[in-house]
């Protein structure tokens, strides 16, 4: 009885090990990325009405096939995780699981639009599959607290310039600075540097000669200073994430070296005992 129970316990463990070998193989990630790209191409072709209406059934079966391929992939990764619940410790695994599970949940004629959106969202899975992209997104998420402070600073700057612009140019250019909302929208266009000179500044400059001071000050403060703060925070966090990964890799290497040294010492002791005997 004991031996039979041991065999039953070993069987799931063997299945898990077998799945782990498949998941950890280099070809597995490449294959998943390939199917994600195929899914993206299929979704892109669907946007052409003539092609989609002609091959509607083909697109349907292609989507079902891709959905089940991704389902099998998630299942393999869940089985490979030991114990299984550790699979859900990663937020990226949750993301993958929910995207694929939603494809099965929203099946039906009433959810055609939702299903199409979900097909597009599957393309985002490339981020969770490719490690370098995953690191970049993790670094961007780390910047959210710092970006919050920068957003507050930027909101204050926008508000001050919007109120000032409304007071100065409401009569000259009511379509741009007629009220606070229009002023904020105009300043957003200016801060993106999209047609701000020819579209916004020049008509006002023709009426008010000193108006260039207002726009130049806003661009210097809003674009060059605040945007550089955004870039600086993001770059800093990317470097921080890479450094943490390097430290983790170094710690793993040290642990492996320690284990090897212990094994060597044990082997030496065994050889000494054998020689003595």
C-alpha atoms as a PDB file:
ATOM      1  CA  UNK A   1       0.000   0.000   0.000  1.00  0.00           C
ATOM      2  CA  UNK A   2       2.782   2.405   0.932  1.00  0.00           C
ATOM      3  CA  UNK A   3       4.649   1.733  -2.316  1.00  0.00           C
ATOM      4  CA  UNK A   4       1.461   2.257  -4.344  1.00  0.00           C
ATOM      5  CA  UNK A   5       0.812   5.617  -2.655  1.00  0.00           C
ATOM      6  CA  UNK A   6       4.424   6.631  -3.294  1.00  0.00           C
ATOM      7  CA  UNK A   7       3.982   5.821  -6.988  1.00  0.00           C
ATOM      8  CA  UNK A   8       0.751   7.877  -7.111  1.00  0.00           C
ATOM      9  CA  UNK A   9       2.541  10.835  -5.463  1.00  0.00           C
ATOM     10  CA  UNK A  10       5.492  10.591  -7.844  1.00  0.00           C
ATOM     11  CA  UNK A  11       3.287  10.517 -10.958  1.00  0.00           C
ATOM     12  CA  UNK A  12       1.988  14.142 -10.632  1.00  0.00           C
ATOM     13  CA  UNK A  13       5.514  15.219  -9.738  1.00  0.00           C
ATOM     14  CA  UNK A  14       6.829  13.621 -12.939  1.00  0.00           C
ATOM     15  CA  UNK A  15       4.109  15.322 -14.993  1.00  0.00           C
ATOM     16  CA  UNK A  16       5.072  18.646 -13.407  1.00  0.00           C
ATOM     17  CA  UNK A  17       8.758  18.067 -14.184  1.00  0.00           C
ATOM     18  CA  UNK A  18       7.921  17.124 -17.776  1.00  0.00           C
ATOM     19  CA  UNK A  19       5.827  20.289 -18.203  1.00  0.00           C
ATOM     20  CA  UNK A  20       8.609  22.344 -16.592  1.00  0.00           C
ATOM     21  CA  UNK A  21      11.105  21.023 -19.170  1.00  0.00           C
ATOM     22  CA  UNK A  22       8.735  22.057 -21.970  1.00  0.00           C
ATOM     23  CA  UNK A  23       8.088  25.521 -20.504  1.00  0.00           C
ATOM     24  CA  UNK A  24      11.774  26.219 -19.783  1.00  0.00           C
ATOM     25  CA  UNK A  25      12.869  25.167 -23.273  1.00  0.00           C
ATOM     26  CA  UNK A  26      14.034  28.054 -25.491  1.00  0.00           C
ATOM     27  CA  UNK A  27      11.734  26.961 -28.316  1.00  0.00           C
ATOM     28  CA  UNK A  28       8.670  27.309 -26.044  1.00  0.00           C
ATOM     29  CA  UNK A  29       8.977  31.104 -25.658  1.00  0.00           C
ATOM     30  CA  UNK A  30       9.786  31.501 -29.357  1.00  0.00           C
ATOM     31  CA  UNK A  31       6.716  29.460 -30.292  1.00  0.00           C
ATOM     32  CA  UNK A  32       4.439  31.495 -28.004  1.00  0.00           C
ATOM     33  CA  UNK A  33       5.767  34.781 -29.440  1.00  0.00           C
ATOM     34  CA  UNK A  34       5.200  33.417 -32.971  1.00  0.00           C
ATOM     35  CA  UNK A  35       1.552  32.651 -32.192  1.00  0.00           C
ATOM     36  CA  UNK A  36       1.116  36.098 -30.598  1.00  0.00           C
ATOM     37  CA  UNK A  37       2.430  37.674 -33.825  1.00  0.00           C
ATOM     38  CA  UNK A  38       0.080  35.462 -35.890  1.00  0.00           C
ATOM     39  CA  UNK A  39      -2.805  36.570 -33.649  1.00  0.00           C
ATOM     40  CA  UNK A  40      -1.827  40.222 -34.221  1.00  0.00           C
ATOM     41  CA  UNK A  41      -1.724  39.721 -38.002  1.00  0.00           C
ATOM     42  CA  UNK A  42      -5.131  38.004 -38.013  1.00  0.00           C
ATOM     43  CA  UNK A  43      -6.664  40.834 -35.935  1.00  0.00           C
ATOM     44  CA  UNK A  44      -5.117  43.392 -38.296  1.00  0.00           C
ATOM     45  CA  UNK A  45      -6.538  41.689 -41.397  1.00  0.00           C
ATOM     46  CA  UNK A  46      -9.993  41.610 -39.749  1.00  0.00           C
ATOM     47  CA  UNK A  47     -10.089  45.420 -39.919  1.00  0.00           C
ATOM     48  CA  UNK A  48     -10.559  45.170 -43.710  1.00  0.00           C
ATOM     49  CA  UNK A  49     -14.359  44.664 -44.122  1.00  0.00           C
ATOM     50  CA  UNK A  50     -14.186  43.087 -47.586  1.00  0.00           C
ATOM     51  CA  UNK A  51     -11.650  40.461 -46.488  1.00  0.00           C
ATOM     52  CA  UNK A  52     -13.402  39.780 -43.165  1.00  0.00           C
ATOM     53  CA  UNK A  53     -16.853  39.320 -44.733  1.00  0.00           C
ATOM     54  CA  UNK A  54     -15.471  36.998 -47.394  1.00  0.00           C
ATOM     55  CA  UNK A  55     -13.575  34.758 -44.935  1.00  0.00           C
ATOM     56  CA  UNK A  56     -15.658  35.148 -41.764  1.00  0.00           C
ATOM     57  CA  UNK A  57     -15.666  31.409 -40.978  1.00  0.00           C
ATOM     58  CA  UNK A  58     -11.909  31.208 -41.548  1.00  0.00           C
ATOM     59  CA  UNK A  59     -11.286  34.032 -39.060  1.00  0.00           C
ATOM     60  CA  UNK A  60     -13.608  32.344 -36.553  1.00  0.00           C
ATOM     61  CA  UNK A  61     -11.757  29.023 -36.668  1.00  0.00           C
ATOM     62  CA  UNK A  62      -8.376  30.790 -36.621  1.00  0.00           C
ATOM     63  CA  UNK A  63      -9.403  32.648 -33.449  1.00  0.00           C
ATOM     64  CA  UNK A  64     -10.677  29.461 -31.763  1.00  0.00           C
ATOM     65  CA  UNK A  65      -7.439  27.644 -32.654  1.00  0.00           C
ATOM     66  CA  UNK A  66      -5.249  30.447 -31.309  1.00  0.00           C
ATOM     67  CA  UNK A  67      -7.353  30.690 -28.148  1.00  0.00           C
ATOM     68  CA  UNK A  68      -6.902  26.990 -27.397  1.00  0.00           C
ATOM     69  CA  UNK A  69      -3.172  27.171 -28.165  1.00  0.00           C
ATOM     70  CA  UNK A  70      -2.829  29.954 -25.574  1.00  0.00           C
ATOM     71  CA  UNK A  71      -5.013  27.948 -23.175  1.00  0.00           C
ATOM     72  CA  UNK A  72      -2.706  24.940 -23.466  1.00  0.00           C
ATOM     73  CA  UNK A  73       0.283  27.231 -22.927  1.00  0.00           C
ATOM     74  CA  UNK A  74      -1.210  28.650 -19.701  1.00  0.00           C
ATOM     75  CA  UNK A  75      -2.144  25.126 -18.534  1.00  0.00           C
ATOM     76  CA  UNK A  76       1.433  23.883 -19.100  1.00  0.00           C
ATOM     77  CA  UNK A  77       2.837  26.812 -17.142  1.00  0.00           C
ATOM     78  CA  UNK A  78       0.389  26.208 -14.279  1.00  0.00           C
ATOM     79  CA  UNK A  79       1.239  22.481 -14.095  1.00  0.00           C
ATOM     80  CA  UNK A  80       4.973  23.277 -14.277  1.00  0.00           C
ATOM     81  CA  UNK A  81       4.681  25.559 -11.232  1.00  0.00           C
ATOM     82  CA  UNK A  82       5.381  23.655  -8.007  1.00  0.00           C
ATOM     83  CA  UNK A  83       3.163  24.022  -6.065  1.00  0.00           C
ATOM     84  CA  UNK A  84       0.488  25.163  -8.540  1.00  0.00           C
ATOM     85  CA  UNK A  85      -0.640  28.205  -6.515  1.00  0.00           C
ATOM     86  CA  UNK A  86       2.809  29.798  -6.958  1.00  0.00           C
ATOM     87  CA  UNK A  87       1.807  30.456 -10.583  1.00  0.00           C
ATOM     88  CA  UNK A  88      -0.571  33.168  -9.334  1.00  0.00           C
ATOM     89  CA  UNK A  89       2.086  34.922  -7.245  1.00  0.00           C
ATOM     90  CA  UNK A  90       3.244  36.745 -10.373  1.00  0.00           C
ATOM     91  CA  UNK A  91       1.104  39.656 -11.578  1.00  0.00           C
ATOM     92  CA  UNK A  92       2.181  38.883 -15.155  1.00  0.00           C
ATOM     93  CA  UNK A  93       0.803  35.343 -14.823  1.00  0.00           C
ATOM     94  CA  UNK A  94      -2.485  36.826 -13.599  1.00  0.00           C
ATOM     95  CA  UNK A  95      -2.535  39.096 -16.641  1.00  0.00           C
ATOM     96  CA  UNK A  96      -1.971  36.177 -19.041  1.00  0.00           C
ATOM     97  CA  UNK A  97      -4.535  34.000 -17.273  1.00  0.00           C
ATOM     98  CA  UNK A  98      -7.274  36.667 -17.306  1.00  0.00           C
ATOM     99  CA  UNK A  99      -6.713  37.561 -20.978  1.00  0.00           C
ATOM    100  CA  UNK A 100      -7.003  33.911 -22.047  1.00  0.00           C
ATOM    101  CA  UNK A 101      -9.849  33.071 -19.633  1.00  0.00           C
ATOM    102  CA  UNK A 102     -11.879  36.062 -20.848  1.00  0.00           C
ATOM    103  CA  UNK A 103     -11.734  34.618 -24.379  1.00  0.00           C
ATOM    104  CA  UNK A 104     -13.617  31.541 -23.106  1.00  0.00           C
ATOM    105  CA  UNK A 105     -16.028  33.510 -20.900  1.00  0.00           C
ATOM    106  CA  UNK A 106     -17.221  36.010 -23.518  1.00  0.00           C
ATOM    107  CA  UNK A 107     -18.074  33.452 -26.185  1.00  0.00           C
ATOM    108  CA  UNK A 108     -21.351  34.166 -27.978  1.00  0.00           C
ATOM    109  CA  UNK A 109     -23.005  36.390 -30.551  1.00  0.00           C
ATOM    110  CA  UNK A 110     -23.781  39.110 -27.966  1.00  0.00           C
ATOM    111  CA  UNK A 111     -20.093  39.625 -27.193  1.00  0.00           C
ATOM    112  CA  UNK A 112     -18.648  39.949 -30.712  1.00  0.00           C
ATOM    113  CA  UNK A 113     -17.201  43.434 -30.033  1.00  0.00           C
ATOM    114  CA  UNK A 114     -15.780  42.336 -26.675  1.00  0.00           C
ATOM    115  CA  UNK A 115     -14.177  39.280 -28.300  1.00  0.00           C
ATOM    116  CA  UNK A 116     -12.556  41.439 -30.968  1.00  0.00           C
ATOM    117  CA  UNK A 117     -11.126  43.744 -28.298  1.00  0.00           C
ATOM    118  CA  UNK A 118      -9.813  40.702 -26.389  1.00  0.00           C
ATOM    119  CA  UNK A 119      -8.087  39.452 -29.537  1.00  0.00           C
ATOM    120  CA  UNK A 120      -6.268  42.773 -29.722  1.00  0.00           C
ATOM    121  CA  UNK A 121      -5.381  42.602 -26.011  1.00  0.00           C
ATOM    122  CA  UNK A 122      -3.719  39.217 -26.602  1.00  0.00           C
ATOM    123  CA  UNK A 123      -1.016  41.128 -28.489  1.00  0.00           C
ATOM    124  CA  UNK A 124      -0.097  42.713 -25.118  1.00  0.00           C
ATOM    125  CA  UNK A 125       0.948  39.240 -23.978  1.00  0.00           C
ATOM    126  CA  UNK A 126       4.169  39.814 -25.918  1.00  0.00           C
ATOM    127  CA  UNK A 127       5.173  42.070 -23.012  1.00  0.00           C
ATOM    128  CA  UNK A 128       4.702  39.312 -20.429  1.00  0.00           C
ATOM    129  CA  UNK A 129       6.488  36.718 -22.584  1.00  0.00           C
ATOM    130  CA  UNK A 130       9.567  38.772 -23.557  1.00  0.00           C
ATOM    131  CA  UNK A 131      11.738  39.328 -20.405  1.00  0.00           C
ATOM    132  CA  UNK A 132      13.329  42.587 -21.605  1.00  0.00           C
ATOM    133  CA  UNK A 133       9.903  44.176 -22.212  1.00  0.00           C
ATOM    134  CA  UNK A 134       8.707  42.884 -18.845  1.00  0.00           C
ATOM    135  CA  UNK A 135      11.646  44.602 -17.106  1.00  0.00           C
ATOM    136  CA  UNK A 136      10.894  47.853 -18.922  1.00  0.00           C
ATOM    137  CA  UNK A 137       7.214  47.819 -17.900  1.00  0.00           C
ATOM    138  CA  UNK A 138       8.173  46.944 -14.303  1.00  0.00           C
ATOM    139  CA  UNK A 139      10.501  49.938 -14.297  1.00  0.00           C
ATOM    140  CA  UNK A 140       7.734  52.179 -15.657  1.00  0.00           C
ATOM    141  CA  UNK A 141       5.369  50.972 -12.925  1.00  0.00           C
ATOM    142  CA  UNK A 142       7.979  51.868 -10.321  1.00  0.00           C
ATOM    143  CA  UNK A 143       7.944  55.441 -11.626  1.00  0.00           C
ATOM    144  CA  UNK A 144       4.223  55.944 -10.884  1.00  0.00           C
ATOM    145  CA  UNK A 145       4.715  57.359  -7.320  1.00  0.00           C
ATOM    146  CA  UNK A 146       7.393  59.798  -8.528  1.00  0.00           C
ATOM    147  CA  UNK A 147       5.377  60.680 -11.651  1.00  0.00           C
ATOM    148  CA  UNK A 148       2.459  61.561  -9.387  1.00  0.00           C
ATOM    149  CA  UNK A 149       4.501  64.375  -7.818  1.00  0.00           C
ATOM    150  CA  UNK A 150       5.619  65.586 -11.240  1.00  0.00           C
ATOM    151  CA  UNK A 151       1.989  65.536 -12.447  1.00  0.00           C
ATOM    152  CA  UNK A 152       0.984  67.719  -9.483  1.00  0.00           C
ATOM    153  CA  UNK A 153       3.801  70.158 -10.334  1.00  0.00           C
ATOM    154  CA  UNK A 154       2.763  70.165 -13.997  1.00  0.00           C
ATOM    155  CA  UNK A 155      -0.906  70.741 -13.068  1.00  0.00           C
ATOM    156  CA  UNK A 156       0.075  73.793 -11.005  1.00  0.00           C
ATOM    157  CA  UNK A 157       2.162  75.191 -13.886  1.00  0.00           C
ATOM    158  CA  UNK A 158      -0.654  74.535 -16.386  1.00  0.00           C
ATOM    159  CA  UNK A 159      -3.237  76.177 -14.133  1.00  0.00           C
ATOM    160  CA  UNK A 160      -1.136  79.310 -13.551  1.00  0.00           C
ATOM    161  CA  UNK A 161      -0.380  79.753 -17.277  1.00  0.00           C
ATOM    162  CA  UNK A 162      -3.987  78.932 -18.267  1.00  0.00           C
ATOM    163  CA  UNK A 163      -5.462  81.563 -15.924  1.00  0.00           C
ATOM    164  CA  UNK A 164      -2.819  84.085 -17.007  1.00  0.00           C
ATOM    165  CA  UNK A 165      -3.425  83.330 -20.702  1.00  0.00           C
ATOM    166  CA  UNK A 166      -7.180  83.725 -20.284  1.00  0.00           C
ATOM    167  CA  UNK A 167      -6.704  87.117 -18.637  1.00  0.00           C
ATOM    168  CA  UNK A 168      -4.244  88.325 -21.281  1.00  0.00           C
ATOM    169  CA  UNK A 169      -5.576  86.892 -24.553  1.00  0.00           C
ATOM    170  CA  UNK A 170      -9.310  86.212 -24.069  1.00  0.00           C
ATOM    171  CA  UNK A 171     -10.267  89.229 -26.197  1.00  0.00           C
ATOM    172  CA  UNK A 172      -7.517  88.730 -28.795  1.00  0.00           C
ATOM    173  CA  UNK A 173      -7.995  84.962 -29.384  1.00  0.00           C
ATOM    174  CA  UNK A 174     -11.253  83.781 -27.776  1.00  0.00           C
ATOM    175  CA  UNK A 175     -11.104  80.488 -29.746  1.00  0.00           C
ATOM    176  CA  UNK A 176      -7.863  79.613 -27.902  1.00  0.00           C
ATOM    177  CA  UNK A 177      -8.049  81.513 -24.588  1.00  0.00           C
ATOM    178  CA  UNK A 178     -11.769  82.285 -24.239  1.00  0.00           C
ATOM    179  CA  UNK A 179     -12.117  80.454 -20.922  1.00  0.00           C
ATOM    180  CA  UNK A 180     -10.122  78.215 -18.593  1.00  0.00           C
ATOM    181  CA  UNK A 181     -10.995  74.960 -20.403  1.00  0.00           C
ATOM    182  CA  UNK A 182      -9.995  76.333 -23.822  1.00  0.00           C
ATOM    183  CA  UNK A 183      -6.778  77.758 -22.359  1.00  0.00           C
ATOM    184  CA  UNK A 184      -5.829  74.385 -20.837  1.00  0.00           C
ATOM    185  CA  UNK A 185      -6.509  72.637 -24.159  1.00  0.00           C
ATOM    186  CA  UNK A 186      -4.448  75.264 -26.030  1.00  0.00           C
ATOM    187  CA  UNK A 187      -1.555  74.891 -23.592  1.00  0.00           C
ATOM    188  CA  UNK A 188      -1.687  71.111 -24.026  1.00  0.00           C
ATOM    189  CA  UNK A 189      -1.278  71.644 -27.780  1.00  0.00           C
ATOM    190  CA  UNK A 190       1.586  74.074 -27.161  1.00  0.00           C
ATOM    191  CA  UNK A 191       3.406  71.716 -24.753  1.00  0.00           C
ATOM    192  CA  UNK A 192       3.355  68.962 -27.412  1.00  0.00           C
ATOM    193  CA  UNK A 193       5.027  71.476 -29.809  1.00  0.00           C
ATOM    194  CA  UNK A 194       2.406  70.600 -32.448  1.00  0.00           C
ATOM    195  CA  UNK A 195       1.739  73.645 -34.708  1.00  0.00           C
ATOM    196  CA  UNK A 196       2.033  75.922 -31.693  1.00  0.00           C
ATOM    197  CA  UNK A 197       3.913  78.680 -33.540  1.00  0.00           C
ATOM    198  CA  UNK A 198       1.926  78.895 -36.780  1.00  0.00           C
ATOM    199  CA  UNK A 199      -1.424  77.835 -35.308  1.00  0.00           C
ATOM    200  CA  UNK A 200      -1.490  79.565 -31.914  1.00  0.00           C
ATOM    201  CA  UNK A 201       1.329  82.053 -31.305  1.00  0.00           C
ATOM    202  CA  UNK A 202       1.574  83.847 -34.693  1.00  0.00           C
ATOM    203  CA  UNK A 203      -2.066  85.080 -34.851  1.00  0.00           C
ATOM    204  CA  UNK A 204      -1.794  86.383 -31.266  1.00  0.00           C
ATOM    205  CA  UNK A 205       1.701  87.792 -31.901  1.00  0.00           C
ATOM    206  CA  UNK A 206       0.268  89.810 -34.811  1.00  0.00           C
ATOM    207  CA  UNK A 207      -2.094  91.531 -32.358  1.00  0.00           C
ATOM    208  CA  UNK A 208       0.065  91.591 -29.190  1.00  0.00           C
ATOM    209  CA  UNK A 209       3.777  92.098 -29.887  1.00  0.00           C
ATOM    210  CA  UNK A 210       5.007  90.949 -26.445  1.00  0.00           C
ATOM    211  CA  UNK A 211       2.929  87.724 -26.415  1.00  0.00           C
ATOM    212  CA  UNK A 212       6.002  85.687 -27.469  1.00  0.00           C
ATOM    213  CA  UNK A 213       7.359  86.073 -23.906  1.00  0.00           C
ATOM    214  CA  UNK A 214       4.355  84.178 -22.519  1.00  0.00           C
ATOM    215  CA  UNK A 215       4.722  81.265 -24.978  1.00  0.00           C
ATOM    216  CA  UNK A 216       8.503  81.017 -24.693  1.00  0.00           C
ATOM    217  CA  UNK A 217       8.316  80.947 -20.888  1.00  0.00           C
ATOM    218  CA  UNK A 218       5.644  78.245 -20.961  1.00  0.00           C
ATOM    219  CA  UNK A 219       7.633  76.074 -23.392  1.00  0.00           C
ATOM    220  CA  UNK A 220      10.819  76.462 -21.336  1.00  0.00           C
ATOM    221  CA  UNK A 221       9.058  75.531 -18.094  1.00  0.00           C
ATOM    222  CA  UNK A 222       6.423  73.100 -19.359  1.00  0.00           C
ATOM    223  CA  UNK A 223       8.268  71.236 -22.091  1.00  0.00           C
ATOM    224  CA  UNK A 224      11.982  71.344 -21.391  1.00  0.00           C
ATOM    225  CA  UNK A 225      11.978  71.242 -17.588  1.00  0.00           C
ATOM    226  CA  UNK A 226       8.930  69.124 -16.690  1.00  0.00           C
ATOM    227  CA  UNK A 227       9.311  66.629 -19.559  1.00  0.00           C
ATOM    228  CA  UNK A 228      12.991  66.210 -18.701  1.00  0.00           C
ATOM    229  CA  UNK A 229      11.916  65.394 -15.146  1.00  0.00           C
ATOM    230  CA  UNK A 230       9.650  62.659 -16.558  1.00  0.00           C
ATOM    231  CA  UNK A 231      12.498  61.226 -18.633  1.00  0.00           C
ATOM    232  CA  UNK A 232      14.956  61.453 -15.730  1.00  0.00           C
ATOM    233  CA  UNK A 233      12.660  59.548 -13.361  1.00  0.00           C
ATOM    234  CA  UNK A 234      11.966  56.819 -15.942  1.00  0.00           C
ATOM    235  CA  UNK A 235      15.658  56.372 -16.826  1.00  0.00           C
ATOM    236  CA  UNK A 236      16.606  56.294 -13.143  1.00  0.00           C
ATOM    237  CA  UNK A 237      14.064  53.550 -12.406  1.00  0.00           C
ATOM    238  CA  UNK A 238      15.114  51.503 -15.449  1.00  0.00           C
ATOM    239  CA  UNK A 239      18.724  51.617 -14.227  1.00  0.00           C
ATOM    240  CA  UNK A 240      17.556  50.721 -10.709  1.00  0.00           C
ATOM    241  CA  UNK A 241      15.611  47.693 -12.004  1.00  0.00           C
ATOM    242  CA  UNK A 242      18.576  46.498 -14.073  1.00  0.00           C
ATOM    243  CA  UNK A 243      20.878  46.888 -11.070  1.00  0.00           C
ATOM    244  CA  UNK A 244      18.487  44.857  -8.873  1.00  0.00           C
ATOM    245  CA  UNK A 245      18.376  42.108 -11.516  1.00  0.00           C
ATOM    246  CA  UNK A 246      22.180  42.072 -11.693  1.00  0.00           C
ATOM    247  CA  UNK A 247      22.383  41.862  -7.891  1.00  0.00           C
ATOM    248  CA  UNK A 248      19.914  38.955  -7.875  1.00  0.00           C
ATOM    249  CA  UNK A 249      21.905  37.144 -10.576  1.00  0.00           C
ATOM    250  CA  UNK A 250      25.113  37.729  -8.612  1.00  0.00           C
ATOM    251  CA  UNK A 251      23.496  36.393  -5.414  1.00  0.00           C
ATOM    252  CA  UNK A 252      22.320  33.276  -7.273  1.00  0.00           C
ATOM    253  CA  UNK A 253      25.829  32.723  -8.639  1.00  0.00           C
ATOM    254  CA  UNK A 254      27.298  33.025  -5.138  1.00  0.00           C
ATOM    255  CA  UNK A 255      24.799  30.491  -3.788  1.00  0.00           C
ATOM    256  CA  UNK A 256      25.645  28.067  -6.582  1.00  0.00           C
ATOM    257  CA  UNK A 257      29.381  28.458  -5.877  1.00  0.00           C
ATOM    258  CA  UNK A 258      28.800  27.797  -2.146  1.00  0.00           C
ATOM    259  CA  UNK A 259      26.808  24.657  -2.929  1.00  0.00           C
ATOM    260  CA  UNK A 260      29.550  23.446  -5.290  1.00  0.00           C
ATOM    261  CA  UNK A 261      32.177  24.032  -2.600  1.00  0.00           C
ATOM    262  CA  UNK A 262      30.135  22.036  -0.098  1.00  0.00           C
ATOM    263  CA  UNK A 263      29.800  19.169  -2.577  1.00  0.00           C
ATOM    264  CA  UNK A 264      33.557  19.232  -3.248  1.00  0.00           C
ATOM    265  CA  UNK A 265      34.287  19.106   0.495  1.00  0.00           C
ATOM    266  CA  UNK A 266      31.874  16.179   0.879  1.00  0.00           C
ATOM    267  CA  UNK A 267      33.532  14.348  -2.022  1.00  0.00           C
ATOM    268  CA  UNK A 268      36.976  14.934  -0.482  1.00  0.00           C
ATOM    269  CA  UNK A 269      35.812  13.565   2.860  1.00  0.00           C
ATOM    270  CA  UNK A 270      34.334  10.500   1.168  1.00  0.00           C
ATOM    271  CA  UNK A 271      37.597   9.865  -0.737  1.00  0.00           C
ATOM    272  CA  UNK A 272      39.631  10.236   2.487  1.00  0.00           C
ATOM    273  CA  UNK A 273      37.363   7.716   4.251  1.00  0.00           C
ATOM    274  CA  UNK A 274      37.657   5.294   1.305  1.00  0.00           C
ATOM    275  CA  UNK A 275      41.462   5.570   1.304  1.00  0.00           C
ATOM    276  CA  UNK A 276      41.610   4.950   5.053  1.00  0.00           C
ATOM    277  CA  UNK A 277      39.415   1.867   4.759  1.00  0.00           C
END
